[in-house]
Amino acid sequence: MHINQQQREGFYEVLFGRRDVRREFLPDAIPDEVLQRILLAAHHAPSVGFMQPWDFIVVKDVHTRRAIKQGFEQANDESAAMFDGERKEAYQQLKLEGIEEAPLGICITCDRQRTGNVVLGKTIKPEMDLYSAVCAAQNLWLSARAENIGVGWVSILHDQVLREALKIPANLEIIGYFCLGYVKAFQQTPDLERYGWQSRRDPKQAIHYEQWGNQQAD
């Protein structure tokens, strides 16, 4: 399929309009047909050896989400203690999750043995299955944005909290827990940039030509 100019511009609008949402969630339920489109898009992520190592646990139960929120609160206190002075004060002012505000969460896992012990593409870099599952997370995020649904990745959370709350088998790796929901508005600027925590790096600083450190194109 050839992508025309309108489709290309729409894709970039979705890409650059993606945000990590924490505070703008609405309680409105996500229709099942919309959720299924998002999950199908996530399932169509690239995967090394076509092993498709991911699974998606959809979490709507309020008691389960409350247990996850309690796990976040503990981990957040631990994290705050790692900063000092003004940086610690700034950290404590940030809202870093929307576990109970969002109407649902999705936990993405990775089965590193899904297609056996020897997998095409993993023979030299065995961590490629984890990277594949992260691609599924990116697909989920972008497709949700295309549906005008916000997503927030809750990384300040011990895996054991999710294992216990969601009955995740010990042999599975946990990629992340994501909050999903419609939002009041998508911010133009990422929260951590808006609140002075970190500015966006100049993309030119991230591009090297032919060798590391050569940042001048021929």
N, C-alpha and C. Protein backbone atom coordinates (compact mmCIF):
# COMPACT_ATOMS: atom_id res chain seq x y z
N MET A 1 0.83 -1.19 0.00
CA MET A 1 0.00 0.00 0.00
C MET A 1 0.87 1.25 0.00
N HIS A 2 0.62 2.13 -0.93
CA HIS A 2 1.36 3.39 -1.01
C HIS A 2 0.71 4.41 -0.07
N ILE A 3 1.54 5.07 0.73
CA ILE A 3 1.05 6.08 1.66
C ILE A 3 1.02 7.43 0.95
N ASN A 4 -0.15 8.05 0.92
CA ASN A 4 -0.24 9.35 0.27
C ASN A 4 0.13 10.47 1.26
N GLN A 5 0.18 11.69 0.76
CA GLN A 5 0.63 12.81 1.59
C GLN A 5 -0.27 13.04 2.80
N GLN A 6 -1.58 12.92 2.61
CA GLN A 6 -2.50 13.14 3.72
C GLN A 6 -2.30 12.09 4.81
N GLN A 7 -2.11 10.85 4.42
CA GLN A 7 -1.88 9.78 5.40
C GLN A 7 -0.56 10.00 6.12
N ARG A 8 0.46 10.41 5.37
CA ARG A 8 1.77 10.66 5.97
C ARG A 8 1.69 11.78 7.00
N GLU A 9 1.02 12.86 6.65
CA GLU A 9 0.88 13.98 7.58
C GLU A 9 0.08 13.57 8.81
N GLY A 10 -0.94 12.72 8.61
CA GLY A 10 -1.72 12.24 9.74
C GLY A 10 -0.89 11.40 10.68
N PHE A 11 -0.01 10.57 10.11
CA PHE A 11 0.86 9.73 10.94
C PHE A 11 1.78 10.60 11.81
N TYR A 12 2.41 11.59 11.20
CA TYR A 12 3.32 12.43 11.97
C TYR A 12 2.58 13.26 13.01
N GLU A 13 1.35 13.63 12.70
CA GLU A 13 0.55 14.37 13.69
C GLU A 13 0.29 13.50 14.92
N VAL A 14 -0.02 12.22 14.69
CA VAL A 14 -0.20 11.29 15.81
C VAL A 14 1.11 11.11 16.57
N LEU A 15 2.19 10.93 15.83
CA LEU A 15 3.50 10.67 16.45
C LEU A 15 3.93 11.83 17.35
N PHE A 16 3.87 13.04 16.82
CA PHE A 16 4.33 14.20 17.58
C PHE A 16 3.30 14.65 18.62
N GLY A 17 2.05 14.18 18.50
CA GLY A 17 1.03 14.53 19.47
C GLY A 17 0.90 13.54 20.62
N ARG A 18 1.70 12.48 20.60
CA ARG A 18 1.67 11.50 21.68
C ARG A 18 2.22 12.12 22.96
N ARG A 19 1.56 11.83 24.06
CA ARG A 19 2.00 12.33 25.37
C ARG A 19 1.89 11.23 26.42
N ASP A 20 2.73 11.34 27.43
CA ASP A 20 2.62 10.46 28.60
C ASP A 20 1.62 11.13 29.54
N VAL A 21 0.41 10.59 29.61
CA VAL A 21 -0.69 11.25 30.32
C VAL A 21 -0.75 10.78 31.77
N ARG A 22 -0.89 11.72 32.68
CA ARG A 22 -1.00 11.37 34.10
C ARG A 22 -2.21 12.02 34.77
N ARG A 23 -2.53 13.27 34.38
CA ARG A 23 -3.49 14.05 35.16
C ARG A 23 -4.77 14.41 34.41
N GLU A 24 -4.85 14.18 33.11
CA GLU A 24 -6.00 14.66 32.34
C GLU A 24 -7.06 13.60 32.05
N PHE A 25 -6.97 12.43 32.66
CA PHE A 25 -7.89 11.34 32.34
C PHE A 25 -9.33 11.67 32.71
N LEU A 26 -10.24 11.23 31.85
CA LEU A 26 -11.68 11.28 32.13
C LEU A 26 -12.14 9.88 32.53
N PRO A 27 -13.23 9.77 33.29
CA PRO A 27 -13.70 8.44 33.73
C PRO A 27 -14.47 7.67 32.64
N ASP A 28 -14.70 8.28 31.50
CA ASP A 28 -15.48 7.65 30.44
C ASP A 28 -14.89 6.30 30.03
N ALA A 29 -15.75 5.31 29.89
CA ALA A 29 -15.31 3.98 29.49
C ALA A 29 -14.84 3.99 28.03
N ILE A 30 -13.86 3.17 27.74
CA ILE A 30 -13.40 2.99 26.36
C ILE A 30 -14.25 1.89 25.73
N PRO A 31 -14.94 2.15 24.62
CA PRO A 31 -15.75 1.11 23.98
C PRO A 31 -14.89 -0.10 23.61
N ASP A 32 -15.47 -1.27 23.72
CA ASP A 32 -14.70 -2.49 23.50
C ASP A 32 -14.14 -2.55 22.08
N GLU A 33 -14.88 -2.07 21.09
CA GLU A 33 -14.37 -2.13 19.72
C GLU A 33 -13.15 -1.24 19.54
N VAL A 34 -13.09 -0.14 20.28
CA VAL A 34 -11.92 0.74 20.23
C VAL A 34 -10.73 0.07 20.91
N LEU A 35 -10.98 -0.50 22.08
CA LEU A 35 -9.92 -1.20 22.80
C LEU A 35 -9.35 -2.34 21.96
N GLN A 36 -10.22 -3.08 21.28
CA GLN A 36 -9.76 -4.20 20.47
C GLN A 36 -8.92 -3.71 19.29
N ARG A 37 -9.24 -2.56 18.72
CA ARG A 37 -8.40 -2.02 17.64
C ARG A 37 -7.01 -1.67 18.15
N ILE A 38 -6.96 -1.10 19.36
CA ILE A 38 -5.67 -0.74 19.94
C ILE A 38 -4.83 -1.99 20.23
N LEU A 39 -5.46 -3.00 20.79
CA LEU A 39 -4.75 -4.24 21.10
C LEU A 39 -4.30 -4.96 19.83
N LEU A 40 -5.12 -4.89 18.79
CA LEU A 40 -4.73 -5.51 17.53
C LEU A 40 -3.52 -4.80 16.93
N ALA A 41 -3.51 -3.48 17.04
CA ALA A 41 -2.35 -2.72 16.55
C ALA A 41 -1.10 -3.09 17.34
N ALA A 42 -1.25 -3.23 18.66
CA ALA A 42 -0.10 -3.64 19.48
C ALA A 42 0.39 -5.01 19.08
N HIS A 43 -0.54 -5.91 18.76
CA HIS A 43 -0.18 -7.28 18.38
C HIS A 43 0.51 -7.33 17.03
N HIS A 44 0.40 -6.28 16.24
CA HIS A 44 1.05 -6.24 14.93
C HIS A 44 2.40 -5.54 14.98
N ALA A 45 2.98 -5.45 16.15
CA ALA A 45 4.32 -4.88 16.27
C ALA A 45 5.35 -5.81 15.64
N PRO A 46 6.50 -5.27 15.23
CA PRO A 46 7.57 -6.14 14.74
C PRO A 46 8.13 -6.99 15.87
N SER A 47 8.51 -8.22 15.55
CA SER A 47 9.12 -9.07 16.57
C SER A 47 10.18 -9.94 15.94
N VAL A 48 11.31 -10.03 16.63
CA VAL A 48 12.43 -10.82 16.12
C VAL A 48 12.01 -12.29 16.03
N GLY A 49 12.35 -12.94 14.93
CA GLY A 49 11.98 -14.33 14.74
C GLY A 49 10.49 -14.56 14.66
N PHE A 50 9.73 -13.48 14.53
CA PHE A 50 8.26 -13.53 14.53
C PHE A 50 7.73 -14.31 15.73
N MET A 51 8.42 -14.17 16.88
CA MET A 51 8.03 -14.94 18.06
C MET A 51 6.86 -14.33 18.81
N GLN A 52 6.57 -13.04 18.57
CA GLN A 52 5.41 -12.40 19.20
C GLN A 52 5.35 -12.72 20.69
N PRO A 53 6.33 -12.26 21.46
CA PRO A 53 6.47 -12.70 22.84
C PRO A 53 5.54 -12.03 23.83
N TRP A 54 4.74 -11.09 23.37
CA TRP A 54 3.92 -10.27 24.27
C TRP A 54 2.59 -10.91 24.64
N ASP A 55 2.06 -10.50 25.78
CA ASP A 55 0.67 -10.72 26.16
C ASP A 55 0.18 -9.42 26.80
N PHE A 56 -1.13 -9.22 26.78
CA PHE A 56 -1.73 -7.98 27.28
C PHE A 56 -2.79 -8.33 28.33
N ILE A 57 -2.62 -7.81 29.53
CA ILE A 57 -3.60 -8.02 30.60
C ILE A 57 -4.38 -6.73 30.77
N VAL A 58 -5.67 -6.77 30.45
CA VAL A 58 -6.53 -5.60 30.57
C VAL A 58 -7.10 -5.56 31.98
N VAL A 59 -6.93 -4.43 32.66
CA VAL A 59 -7.30 -4.31 34.07
C VAL A 59 -8.34 -3.19 34.24
N LYS A 60 -9.56 -3.58 34.61
CA LYS A 60 -10.62 -2.59 34.86
C LYS A 60 -11.07 -2.58 36.32
N ASP A 61 -10.91 -3.68 37.02
CA ASP A 61 -11.42 -3.82 38.38
C ASP A 61 -10.83 -2.74 39.30
N VAL A 62 -11.68 -2.02 40.01
CA VAL A 62 -11.23 -0.90 40.84
C VAL A 62 -10.37 -1.38 42.01
N HIS A 63 -10.66 -2.55 42.55
CA HIS A 63 -9.87 -3.06 43.68
C HIS A 63 -8.47 -3.45 43.22
N THR A 64 -8.38 -4.03 42.05
CA THR A 64 -7.07 -4.39 41.51
C THR A 64 -6.25 -3.14 41.25
N ARG A 65 -6.89 -2.14 40.66
CA ARG A 65 -6.16 -0.90 40.37
C ARG A 65 -5.76 -0.17 41.65
N ARG A 66 -6.57 -0.31 42.69
CA ARG A 66 -6.20 0.29 43.97
C ARG A 66 -4.96 -0.39 44.55
N ALA A 67 -4.88 -1.70 44.42
CA ALA A 67 -3.70 -2.43 44.91
C ALA A 67 -2.45 -2.00 44.14
N ILE A 68 -2.60 -1.80 42.84
CA ILE A 68 -1.47 -1.34 42.04
C ILE A 68 -1.08 0.07 42.44
N LYS A 69 -2.08 0.92 42.69
CA LYS A 69 -1.80 2.29 43.13
C LYS A 69 -1.03 2.30 44.45
N GLN A 70 -1.40 1.43 45.37
CA GLN A 70 -0.68 1.35 46.64
C GLN A 70 0.78 0.95 46.41
N GLY A 71 0.99 0.04 45.46
CA GLY A 71 2.36 -0.34 45.12
C GLY A 71 3.14 0.83 44.54
N PHE A 72 2.46 1.63 43.72
CA PHE A 72 3.12 2.83 43.19
C PHE A 72 3.49 3.78 44.32
N GLU A 73 2.59 4.01 45.25
CA GLU A 73 2.86 4.96 46.33
C GLU A 73 4.10 4.56 47.12
N GLN A 74 4.24 3.27 47.38
CA GLN A 74 5.43 2.80 48.10
C GLN A 74 6.69 3.03 47.27
N ALA A 75 6.63 2.65 45.97
CA ALA A 75 7.79 2.81 45.10
C ALA A 75 8.11 4.29 44.89
N ASN A 76 7.10 5.12 44.87
CA ASN A 76 7.32 6.55 44.67
C ASN A 76 8.02 7.18 45.87
N ASP A 77 7.66 6.74 47.07
CA ASP A 77 8.36 7.21 48.26
C ASP A 77 9.84 6.79 48.23
N GLU A 78 10.08 5.56 47.80
CA GLU A 78 11.46 5.07 47.67
C GLU A 78 12.23 5.92 46.66
N SER A 79 11.57 6.24 45.57
CA SER A 79 12.22 7.02 44.51
C SER A 79 12.52 8.44 44.97
N ALA A 80 11.56 9.05 45.67
CA ALA A 80 11.76 10.42 46.14
C ALA A 80 12.98 10.52 47.05
N ALA A 81 13.22 9.47 47.84
CA ALA A 81 14.35 9.47 48.78
C ALA A 81 15.69 9.44 48.07
N MET A 82 15.69 9.13 46.77
CA MET A 82 16.95 9.07 46.02
C MET A 82 17.40 10.44 45.53
N PHE A 83 16.53 11.44 45.64
CA PHE A 83 16.87 12.80 45.22
C PHE A 83 17.14 13.65 46.46
N ASP A 84 17.82 14.77 46.24
CA ASP A 84 18.18 15.66 47.34
C ASP A 84 17.70 17.08 47.07
N GLY A 85 17.47 17.83 48.13
CA GLY A 85 17.24 19.25 48.05
C GLY A 85 16.10 19.65 47.15
N GLU A 86 16.36 20.66 46.29
CA GLU A 86 15.33 21.19 45.42
C GLU A 86 14.83 20.14 44.43
N ARG A 87 15.73 19.26 44.03
CA ARG A 87 15.33 18.22 43.08
C ARG A 87 14.31 17.29 43.71
N LYS A 88 14.49 16.97 44.98
CA LYS A 88 13.54 16.13 45.70
C LYS A 88 12.20 16.84 45.84
N GLU A 89 12.23 18.12 46.18
CA GLU A 89 10.99 18.89 46.30
C GLU A 89 10.25 18.94 44.97
N ALA A 90 11.00 19.14 43.89
CA ALA A 90 10.38 19.18 42.55
C ALA A 90 9.77 17.83 42.21
N TYR A 91 10.48 16.75 42.55
CA TYR A 91 9.97 15.40 42.28
C TYR A 91 8.65 15.17 43.00
N GLN A 92 8.57 15.58 44.24
CA GLN A 92 7.38 15.33 45.03
C GLN A 92 6.17 16.13 44.56
N GLN A 93 6.40 17.15 43.76
CA GLN A 93 5.30 17.95 43.21
C GLN A 93 4.74 17.36 41.91
N LEU A 94 5.46 16.42 41.32
CA LEU A 94 5.05 15.84 40.04
C LEU A 94 3.97 14.78 40.24
N LYS A 95 3.02 14.73 39.33
CA LYS A 95 2.06 13.62 39.31
C LYS A 95 2.56 12.64 38.27
N LEU A 96 2.83 11.41 38.70
CA LEU A 96 3.54 10.47 37.85
C LEU A 96 2.71 9.24 37.48
N GLU A 97 1.41 9.27 37.71
CA GLU A 97 0.55 8.14 37.32
C GLU A 97 -0.91 8.59 37.33
N GLY A 98 -1.74 7.77 36.66
CA GLY A 98 -3.18 7.98 36.67
C GLY A 98 -3.90 6.66 36.84
N ILE A 99 -3.37 5.83 37.74
CA ILE A 99 -3.84 4.45 37.87
C ILE A 99 -5.31 4.36 38.19
N GLU A 100 -5.78 5.19 39.10
CA GLU A 100 -7.19 5.13 39.48
C GLU A 100 -8.06 6.09 38.66
N GLU A 101 -7.47 7.15 38.13
CA GLU A 101 -8.24 8.09 37.33
C GLU A 101 -8.60 7.50 35.96
N ALA A 102 -7.67 6.78 35.35
CA ALA A 102 -7.94 6.16 34.05
C ALA A 102 -8.92 5.00 34.23
N PRO A 103 -9.81 4.77 33.26
CA PRO A 103 -10.79 3.70 33.42
C PRO A 103 -10.22 2.29 33.30
N LEU A 104 -9.02 2.17 32.73
CA LEU A 104 -8.42 0.84 32.65
C LEU A 104 -6.91 0.93 32.54
N GLY A 105 -6.29 -0.19 32.83
CA GLY A 105 -4.85 -0.31 32.66
C GLY A 105 -4.55 -1.53 31.81
N ILE A 106 -3.38 -1.54 31.20
CA ILE A 106 -2.92 -2.70 30.43
C ILE A 106 -1.50 -3.02 30.86
N CYS A 107 -1.29 -4.25 31.27
CA CYS A 107 0.05 -4.72 31.61
C CYS A 107 0.56 -5.54 30.43
N ILE A 108 1.76 -5.21 29.96
CA ILE A 108 2.37 -5.95 28.85
C ILE A 108 3.46 -6.84 29.42
N THR A 109 3.41 -8.11 29.06
CA THR A 109 4.42 -9.07 29.50
C THR A 109 5.18 -9.62 28.31
N CYS A 110 6.27 -10.31 28.59
CA CYS A 110 7.10 -10.91 27.55
C CYS A 110 7.44 -12.35 27.94
N ASP A 111 7.05 -13.29 27.10
CA ASP A 111 7.39 -14.70 27.29
C ASP A 111 8.66 -14.98 26.49
N ARG A 112 9.78 -15.09 27.16
CA ARG A 112 11.07 -15.21 26.49
C ARG A 112 11.32 -16.60 25.93
N GLN A 113 10.43 -17.55 26.22
CA GLN A 113 10.55 -18.92 25.72
C GLN A 113 9.43 -19.28 24.77
N ARG A 114 8.73 -18.29 24.25
CA ARG A 114 7.51 -18.57 23.50
C ARG A 114 7.72 -19.55 22.34
N THR A 115 8.77 -19.39 21.58
CA THR A 115 8.97 -20.27 20.42
C THR A 115 10.19 -21.18 20.60
N GLY A 116 10.60 -21.39 21.84
CA GLY A 116 11.69 -22.33 22.09
C GLY A 116 12.95 -21.65 22.60
N ASN A 117 13.96 -22.46 22.84
CA ASN A 117 15.21 -21.96 23.42
C ASN A 117 16.10 -21.28 22.39
N VAL A 118 16.03 -21.70 21.14
CA VAL A 118 16.84 -21.10 20.08
C VAL A 118 15.89 -20.42 19.10
N VAL A 119 16.01 -19.10 19.00
CA VAL A 119 15.09 -18.31 18.19
C VAL A 119 15.88 -17.53 17.15
N LEU A 120 15.42 -17.58 15.92
CA LEU A 120 16.03 -16.81 14.85
C LEU A 120 16.09 -15.34 15.26
N GLY A 121 17.28 -14.75 15.19
CA GLY A 121 17.44 -13.35 15.54
C GLY A 121 17.85 -13.11 16.98
N LYS A 122 17.69 -14.14 17.85
CA LYS A 122 18.10 -14.03 19.25
C LYS A 122 19.40 -14.76 19.53
N THR A 123 19.96 -15.39 18.52
CA THR A 123 21.12 -16.25 18.74
C THR A 123 22.34 -15.48 19.23
N ILE A 124 22.46 -14.21 18.84
CA ILE A 124 23.59 -13.38 19.25
C ILE A 124 23.17 -12.34 20.28
N LYS A 125 21.95 -11.80 20.11
CA LYS A 125 21.44 -10.79 21.05
C LYS A 125 20.16 -11.33 21.68
N PRO A 126 20.28 -12.05 22.77
CA PRO A 126 19.11 -12.72 23.37
C PRO A 126 18.06 -11.75 23.91
N GLU A 127 18.43 -10.49 24.10
CA GLU A 127 17.48 -9.52 24.63
C GLU A 127 16.52 -8.98 23.57
N MET A 128 16.65 -9.44 22.33
CA MET A 128 15.81 -8.91 21.26
C MET A 128 14.32 -9.17 21.48
N ASP A 129 13.99 -10.21 22.24
CA ASP A 129 12.56 -10.46 22.53
C ASP A 129 11.99 -9.35 23.40
N LEU A 130 12.78 -8.85 24.34
CA LEU A 130 12.33 -7.75 25.18
C LEU A 130 12.11 -6.48 24.35
N TYR A 131 13.03 -6.25 23.42
CA TYR A 131 12.88 -5.08 22.56
C TYR A 131 11.63 -5.21 21.69
N SER A 132 11.34 -6.44 21.26
CA SER A 132 10.14 -6.66 20.46
C SER A 132 8.89 -6.32 21.25
N ALA A 133 8.85 -6.72 22.51
CA ALA A 133 7.68 -6.44 23.34
C ALA A 133 7.53 -4.94 23.58
N VAL A 134 8.65 -4.22 23.65
CA VAL A 134 8.58 -2.77 23.78
C VAL A 134 8.02 -2.14 22.51
N CYS A 135 8.31 -2.75 21.36
CA CYS A 135 7.69 -2.27 20.11
C CYS A 135 6.17 -2.40 20.19
N ALA A 136 5.68 -3.46 20.83
CA ALA A 136 4.24 -3.61 21.01
C ALA A 136 3.69 -2.47 21.87
N ALA A 137 4.46 -2.08 22.88
CA ALA A 137 4.04 -0.96 23.72
C ALA A 137 3.95 0.33 22.91
N GLN A 138 4.91 0.54 22.03
CA GLN A 138 4.89 1.74 21.19
C GLN A 138 3.69 1.72 20.24
N ASN A 139 3.42 0.55 19.65
CA ASN A 139 2.25 0.44 18.77
C ASN A 139 0.96 0.76 19.54
N LEU A 140 0.87 0.23 20.75
CA LEU A 140 -0.30 0.49 21.59
C LEU A 140 -0.45 1.98 21.84
N TRP A 141 0.65 2.65 22.16
CA TRP A 141 0.62 4.06 22.49
C TRP A 141 0.18 4.90 21.31
N LEU A 142 0.75 4.63 20.14
CA LEU A 142 0.43 5.43 18.97
C LEU A 142 -0.99 5.17 18.48
N SER A 143 -1.42 3.92 18.50
CA SER A 143 -2.79 3.64 18.06
C SER A 143 -3.81 4.24 19.03
N ALA A 144 -3.49 4.23 20.32
CA ALA A 144 -4.37 4.88 21.29
C ALA A 144 -4.48 6.37 20.99
N ARG A 145 -3.35 6.99 20.68
CA ARG A 145 -3.38 8.42 20.35
C ARG A 145 -4.23 8.68 19.11
N ALA A 146 -4.17 7.78 18.13
CA ALA A 146 -4.99 7.92 16.93
C ALA A 146 -6.47 7.80 17.25
N GLU A 147 -6.79 7.15 18.37
CA GLU A 147 -8.18 7.02 18.83
C GLU A 147 -8.55 8.13 19.82
N ASN A 148 -7.65 9.11 19.99
CA ASN A 148 -7.85 10.21 20.96
C ASN A 148 -7.93 9.69 22.39
N ILE A 149 -7.17 8.66 22.65
CA ILE A 149 -7.07 8.07 24.00
C ILE A 149 -5.66 8.30 24.53
N GLY A 150 -5.58 8.78 25.76
CA GLY A 150 -4.30 9.02 26.39
C GLY A 150 -3.73 7.76 27.01
N VAL A 151 -2.40 7.71 27.09
CA VAL A 151 -1.69 6.58 27.70
C VAL A 151 -0.63 7.13 28.64
N GLY A 152 -0.50 6.49 29.79
CA GLY A 152 0.56 6.84 30.73
C GLY A 152 1.29 5.58 31.17
N TRP A 153 2.60 5.58 31.03
CA TRP A 153 3.42 4.42 31.40
C TRP A 153 3.84 4.60 32.86
N VAL A 154 3.44 3.66 33.72
CA VAL A 154 3.80 3.71 35.14
C VAL A 154 5.02 2.83 35.36
N SER A 155 6.17 3.46 35.40
CA SER A 155 7.42 2.70 35.57
C SER A 155 7.89 2.67 37.02
N ILE A 156 7.29 3.49 37.87
CA ILE A 156 7.70 3.55 39.28
C ILE A 156 6.84 2.53 40.03
N LEU A 157 7.20 1.27 39.86
CA LEU A 157 6.37 0.18 40.36
C LEU A 157 7.20 -1.10 40.37
N HIS A 158 7.24 -1.76 41.50
CA HIS A 158 7.96 -3.03 41.57
C HIS A 158 7.19 -4.12 40.84
N ASP A 159 7.92 -4.95 40.10
CA ASP A 159 7.28 -6.03 39.35
C ASP A 159 6.45 -6.94 40.24
N GLN A 160 6.90 -7.16 41.46
CA GLN A 160 6.19 -8.09 42.34
C GLN A 160 4.77 -7.62 42.64
N VAL A 161 4.56 -6.31 42.66
CA VAL A 161 3.21 -5.78 42.87
C VAL A 161 2.29 -6.24 41.75
N LEU A 162 2.76 -6.14 40.52
CA LEU A 162 1.95 -6.57 39.38
C LEU A 162 1.81 -8.08 39.35
N ARG A 163 2.86 -8.79 39.71
CA ARG A 163 2.77 -10.26 39.72
C ARG A 163 1.68 -10.74 40.68
N GLU A 164 1.62 -10.12 41.85
CA GLU A 164 0.64 -10.54 42.85
C GLU A 164 -0.77 -10.07 42.47
N ALA A 165 -0.89 -8.83 42.02
CA ALA A 165 -2.21 -8.28 41.71
C ALA A 165 -2.84 -8.94 40.48
N LEU A 166 -1.99 -9.30 39.50
CA LEU A 166 -2.49 -9.79 38.23
C LEU A 166 -2.22 -11.28 38.01
N LYS A 167 -1.65 -11.95 39.02
CA LYS A 167 -1.37 -13.39 38.96
C LYS A 167 -0.50 -13.74 37.75
N ILE A 168 0.56 -12.96 37.56
CA ILE A 168 1.45 -13.16 36.42
C ILE A 168 2.44 -14.28 36.74
N PRO A 169 2.55 -15.29 35.89
CA PRO A 169 3.49 -16.39 36.15
C PRO A 169 4.94 -15.91 36.27
N ALA A 170 5.71 -16.63 37.06
CA ALA A 170 7.09 -16.21 37.34
C ALA A 170 7.98 -16.26 36.12
N ASN A 171 7.62 -17.06 35.12
CA ASN A 171 8.48 -17.20 33.94
C ASN A 171 8.32 -16.05 32.95
N LEU A 172 7.37 -15.16 33.18
CA LEU A 172 7.15 -14.04 32.27
C LEU A 172 7.86 -12.79 32.76
N GLU A 173 8.41 -12.03 31.84
CA GLU A 173 8.99 -10.74 32.16
C GLU A 173 7.90 -9.67 32.05
N ILE A 174 7.95 -8.68 32.91
CA ILE A 174 6.98 -7.59 32.87
C ILE A 174 7.61 -6.40 32.15
N ILE A 175 6.97 -5.98 31.07
CA ILE A 175 7.47 -4.84 30.30
C ILE A 175 6.99 -3.53 30.92
N GLY A 176 5.71 -3.46 31.28
CA GLY A 176 5.22 -2.24 31.88
C GLY A 176 3.73 -2.26 32.11
N TYR A 177 3.29 -1.29 32.91
CA TYR A 177 1.86 -1.09 33.18
C TYR A 177 1.48 0.26 32.61
N PHE A 178 0.39 0.28 31.84
CA PHE A 178 -0.01 1.48 31.10
C PHE A 178 -1.45 1.85 31.46
N CYS A 179 -1.67 3.12 31.78
CA CYS A 179 -3.01 3.63 32.04
C CYS A 179 -3.60 4.17 30.74
N LEU A 180 -4.86 3.83 30.45
CA LEU A 180 -5.50 4.28 29.22
C LEU A 180 -6.84 4.93 29.53
N GLY A 181 -7.13 6.02 28.81
CA GLY A 181 -8.42 6.66 28.97
C GLY A 181 -8.55 7.89 28.09
N TYR A 182 -9.77 8.29 27.85
CA TYR A 182 -10.00 9.57 27.18
C TYR A 182 -9.51 10.68 28.10
N VAL A 183 -9.18 11.82 27.51
CA VAL A 183 -8.59 12.90 28.29
C VAL A 183 -9.32 14.22 28.05
N LYS A 184 -9.15 15.14 28.98
CA LYS A 184 -9.71 16.49 28.82
C LYS A 184 -9.06 17.19 27.65
N ALA A 185 -7.75 17.03 27.52
CA ALA A 185 -6.99 17.64 26.43
C ALA A 185 -5.61 17.02 26.40
N PHE A 186 -5.02 16.95 25.22
CA PHE A 186 -3.63 16.52 25.08
C PHE A 186 -2.74 17.76 25.15
N GLN A 187 -1.78 17.74 26.04
CA GLN A 187 -0.88 18.88 26.21
C GLN A 187 0.04 19.03 25.00
N GLN A 188 0.40 20.25 24.69
CA GLN A 188 1.31 20.51 23.58
C GLN A 188 2.75 20.13 23.95
N THR A 189 3.06 20.19 25.24
CA THR A 189 4.42 19.95 25.71
C THR A 189 4.41 18.83 26.75
N PRO A 190 5.37 17.92 26.73
CA PRO A 190 5.43 16.86 27.74
C PRO A 190 5.45 17.43 29.16
N ASP A 191 4.82 16.72 30.09
CA ASP A 191 4.71 17.20 31.47
C ASP A 191 6.07 17.52 32.09
N LEU A 192 7.04 16.64 31.91
CA LEU A 192 8.33 16.85 32.57
C LEU A 192 9.05 18.08 32.02
N GLU A 193 8.73 18.42 30.78
CA GLU A 193 9.27 19.66 30.23
C GLU A 193 8.48 20.86 30.72
N ARG A 194 7.14 20.72 30.76
CA ARG A 194 6.29 21.82 31.23
C ARG A 194 6.62 22.23 32.65
N TYR A 195 6.93 21.24 33.50
CA TYR A 195 7.16 21.53 34.91
C TYR A 195 8.64 21.68 35.25
N GLY A 196 9.47 21.83 34.24
CA GLY A 196 10.87 22.18 34.46
C GLY A 196 11.77 21.06 34.91
N TRP A 197 11.32 19.81 34.76
CA TRP A 197 12.17 18.70 35.20
C TRP A 197 13.27 18.39 34.18
N GLN A 198 12.91 18.39 32.91
CA GLN A 198 13.87 18.05 31.87
C GLN A 198 13.40 18.64 30.55
N SER A 199 14.30 19.23 29.79
CA SER A 199 13.94 19.77 28.48
C SER A 199 14.24 18.75 27.39
N ARG A 200 13.60 18.94 26.23
CA ARG A 200 13.84 18.01 25.13
C ARG A 200 15.22 18.25 24.53
N ARG A 201 15.92 17.17 24.32
CA ARG A 201 17.25 17.24 23.73
C ARG A 201 17.15 17.63 22.25
N ASP A 202 18.07 18.45 21.81
CA ASP A 202 18.14 18.82 20.41
C ASP A 202 18.39 17.55 19.58
N PRO A 203 17.50 17.24 18.63
CA PRO A 203 17.69 16.00 17.86
C PRO A 203 19.02 15.94 17.13
N LYS A 204 19.61 17.08 16.79
CA LYS A 204 20.90 17.08 16.10
C LYS A 204 21.98 16.45 16.97
N GLN A 205 21.82 16.57 18.29
CA GLN A 205 22.81 15.99 19.20
C GLN A 205 22.75 14.47 19.23
N ALA A 206 21.64 13.90 18.77
CA ALA A 206 21.46 12.46 18.81
C ALA A 206 21.82 11.78 17.50
N ILE A 207 22.20 12.57 16.48
CA ILE A 207 22.46 12.01 15.16
C ILE A 207 23.95 12.05 14.86
N HIS A 208 24.50 10.89 14.50
CA HIS A 208 25.91 10.77 14.15
C HIS A 208 25.99 10.19 12.74
N TYR A 209 26.99 10.60 11.98
CA TYR A 209 27.13 10.14 10.61
C TYR A 209 28.40 9.31 10.45
N GLU A 210 28.21 8.08 10.02
CA GLU A 210 29.28 7.13 9.72
C GLU A 210 30.01 6.63 10.97
N GLN A 211 30.37 7.52 11.88
CA GLN A 211 31.04 7.13 13.11
C GLN A 211 30.53 7.96 14.27
N TRP A 212 30.65 7.40 15.49
CA TRP A 212 30.25 8.12 16.70
C TRP A 212 31.02 9.43 16.79
N GLY A 213 30.28 10.50 17.10
CA GLY A 213 30.92 11.80 17.30
C GLY A 213 30.96 12.66 16.08
N ASN A 214 30.74 12.10 14.91
CA ASN A 214 30.70 12.90 13.68
C ASN A 214 29.28 13.36 13.45
N GLN A 215 28.98 14.60 13.78
CA GLN A 215 27.62 15.11 13.69
C GLN A 215 27.43 16.11 12.56
N GLN A 216 28.31 16.00 11.57
CA GLN A 216 28.19 16.81 10.38
C GLN A 216 27.91 15.91 9.19
N ALA A 217 26.78 16.14 8.51
CA ALA A 217 26.47 15.35 7.33
C ALA A 217 27.36 15.76 6.18
N ASP A 218 27.72 14.78 5.35
CA ASP A 218 28.55 15.08 4.17
C ASP A 218 27.74 15.85 3.14
